[in-house]
C-alpha cells in the first residue's frame, strides 16, 4: 500500500515538498471528500457506516 504525504498549510513547506503542498488559509482546517454515485458491490461505502471501504486516515504533524 502506498503512503502519500500531502502538506495542507498556509506557508510553503519548503521547495522539496511543494509538489505535495495544498495552500490553506489561516484558521481551523477542514477536509471535504467528493464521492460520486457509489456502487453497492465491494469495495463500496455502502451501507453508510459499515461498507467495505473507508477514506484513509489523516495525521496531524506539527
C-alpha atoms as a PDB file:
ATOM      1  CA  UNK A   1       0.000   0.000   0.000  1.00  0.00           C
ATOM      2  CA  UNK A   2       1.378   3.398  -0.982  1.00  0.00           C
ATOM      3  CA  UNK A   3       1.637   6.138   1.616  1.00  0.00           C
ATOM      4  CA  UNK A   4       1.305   9.723   0.461  1.00  0.00           C
ATOM      5  CA  UNK A   5       2.248  12.793   2.440  1.00  0.00           C
ATOM      6  CA  UNK A   6       0.308  15.905   1.484  1.00  0.00           C
ATOM      7  CA  UNK A   7       1.090  19.154   3.258  1.00  0.00           C
ATOM      8  CA  UNK A   8      -2.013  21.279   3.881  1.00  0.00           C
ATOM      9  CA  UNK A   9      -0.829  24.527   5.410  1.00  0.00           C
ATOM     10  CA  UNK A  10      -0.620  28.281   4.901  1.00  0.00           C
ATOM     11  CA  UNK A  11       3.137  28.606   4.425  1.00  0.00           C
ATOM     12  CA  UNK A  12       5.281  26.693   1.976  1.00  0.00           C
ATOM     13  CA  UNK A  13       6.752  23.502   3.470  1.00  0.00           C
ATOM     14  CA  UNK A  14       9.940  24.145   1.510  1.00  0.00           C
ATOM     15  CA  UNK A  15      10.945  23.700  -2.107  1.00  0.00           C
ATOM     16  CA  UNK A  16      11.457  19.924  -1.752  1.00  0.00           C
ATOM     17  CA  UNK A  17       7.857  19.361  -0.560  1.00  0.00           C
ATOM     18  CA  UNK A  18       5.987  21.983  -2.633  1.00  0.00           C
ATOM     19  CA  UNK A  19       4.839  19.409  -5.199  1.00  0.00           C
ATOM     20  CA  UNK A  20       2.627  17.860  -2.465  1.00  0.00           C
ATOM     21  CA  UNK A  21       1.544  21.170  -0.870  1.00  0.00           C
ATOM     22  CA  UNK A  22      -2.063  22.371  -0.800  1.00  0.00           C
ATOM     23  CA  UNK A  23      -2.071  26.008   0.348  1.00  0.00           C
ATOM     24  CA  UNK A  24      -4.643  26.679   3.067  1.00  0.00           C
ATOM     25  CA  UNK A  25      -5.879  29.880   4.746  1.00  0.00           C
ATOM     26  CA  UNK A  26      -5.330  30.735   8.413  1.00  0.00           C
ATOM     27  CA  UNK A  27      -7.742  29.201  10.888  1.00  0.00           C
ATOM     28  CA  UNK A  28      -9.009  25.705  11.583  1.00  0.00           C
ATOM     29  CA  UNK A  29      -8.805  23.418   8.554  1.00  0.00           C
ATOM     30  CA  UNK A  30     -11.489  21.011   7.425  1.00  0.00           C
ATOM     31  CA  UNK A  31     -11.402  18.334   4.775  1.00  0.00           C
ATOM     32  CA  UNK A  32     -14.122  17.539   2.259  1.00  0.00           C
ATOM     33  CA  UNK A  33     -14.293  14.377   0.180  1.00  0.00           C
ATOM     34  CA  UNK A  34     -16.315  14.410  -3.002  1.00  0.00           C
ATOM     35  CA  UNK A  35     -17.737  10.970  -3.721  1.00  0.00           C
ATOM     36  CA  UNK A  36     -19.677  10.251  -6.871  1.00  0.00           C
ATOM     37  CA  UNK A  37     -22.605   7.846  -7.170  1.00  0.00           C
ATOM     38  CA  UNK A  38     -21.321   4.834  -5.203  1.00  0.00           C
ATOM     39  CA  UNK A  39     -21.723   1.259  -6.245  1.00  0.00           C
ATOM     40  CA  UNK A  40     -23.131  -1.433  -3.993  1.00  0.00           C
ATOM     41  CA  UNK A  41     -20.525  -4.092  -4.843  1.00  0.00           C
ATOM     42  CA  UNK A  42     -17.257  -4.166  -2.857  1.00  0.00           C
ATOM     43  CA  UNK A  43     -15.297  -2.020  -2.426  1.00  0.00           C
ATOM     44  CA  UNK A  44     -18.117   0.324  -1.514  1.00  0.00           C
ATOM     45  CA  UNK A  45     -19.006   2.919   1.117  1.00  0.00           C
ATOM     46  CA  UNK A  46     -22.485   1.411   1.263  1.00  0.00           C
ATOM     47  CA  UNK A  47     -24.238   0.824   3.553  1.00  0.00           C
ATOM     48  CA  UNK A  48     -23.230   4.076   5.293  1.00  0.00           C
ATOM     49  CA  UNK A  49     -21.013   3.428   8.278  1.00  0.00           C
ATOM     50  CA  UNK A  50     -20.434  -0.252   7.551  1.00  0.00           C
ATOM     51  CA  UNK A  51     -19.306  -0.501   3.935  1.00  0.00           C
ATOM     52  CA  UNK A  52     -16.134  -2.300   2.827  1.00  0.00           C
ATOM     53  CA  UNK A  53     -14.246   0.921   2.036  1.00  0.00           C
ATOM     54  CA  UNK A  54     -13.408   3.997   4.065  1.00  0.00           C
ATOM     55  CA  UNK A  55     -11.194   7.009   3.461  1.00  0.00           C
ATOM     56  CA  UNK A  56      -7.571   6.866   4.612  1.00  0.00           C
ATOM     57  CA  UNK A  57      -6.738   8.422   7.949  1.00  0.00           C
ATOM     58  CA  UNK A  58      -5.390  11.920   8.461  1.00  0.00           C
ATOM     59  CA  UNK A  59      -2.453  12.569  10.773  1.00  0.00           C
ATOM     60  CA  UNK A  60      -1.639  15.987  12.189  1.00  0.00           C
ATOM     61  CA  UNK A  61       2.103  16.630  12.041  1.00  0.00           C
ATOM     62  CA  UNK A  62       3.463  19.691  13.807  1.00  0.00           C
END
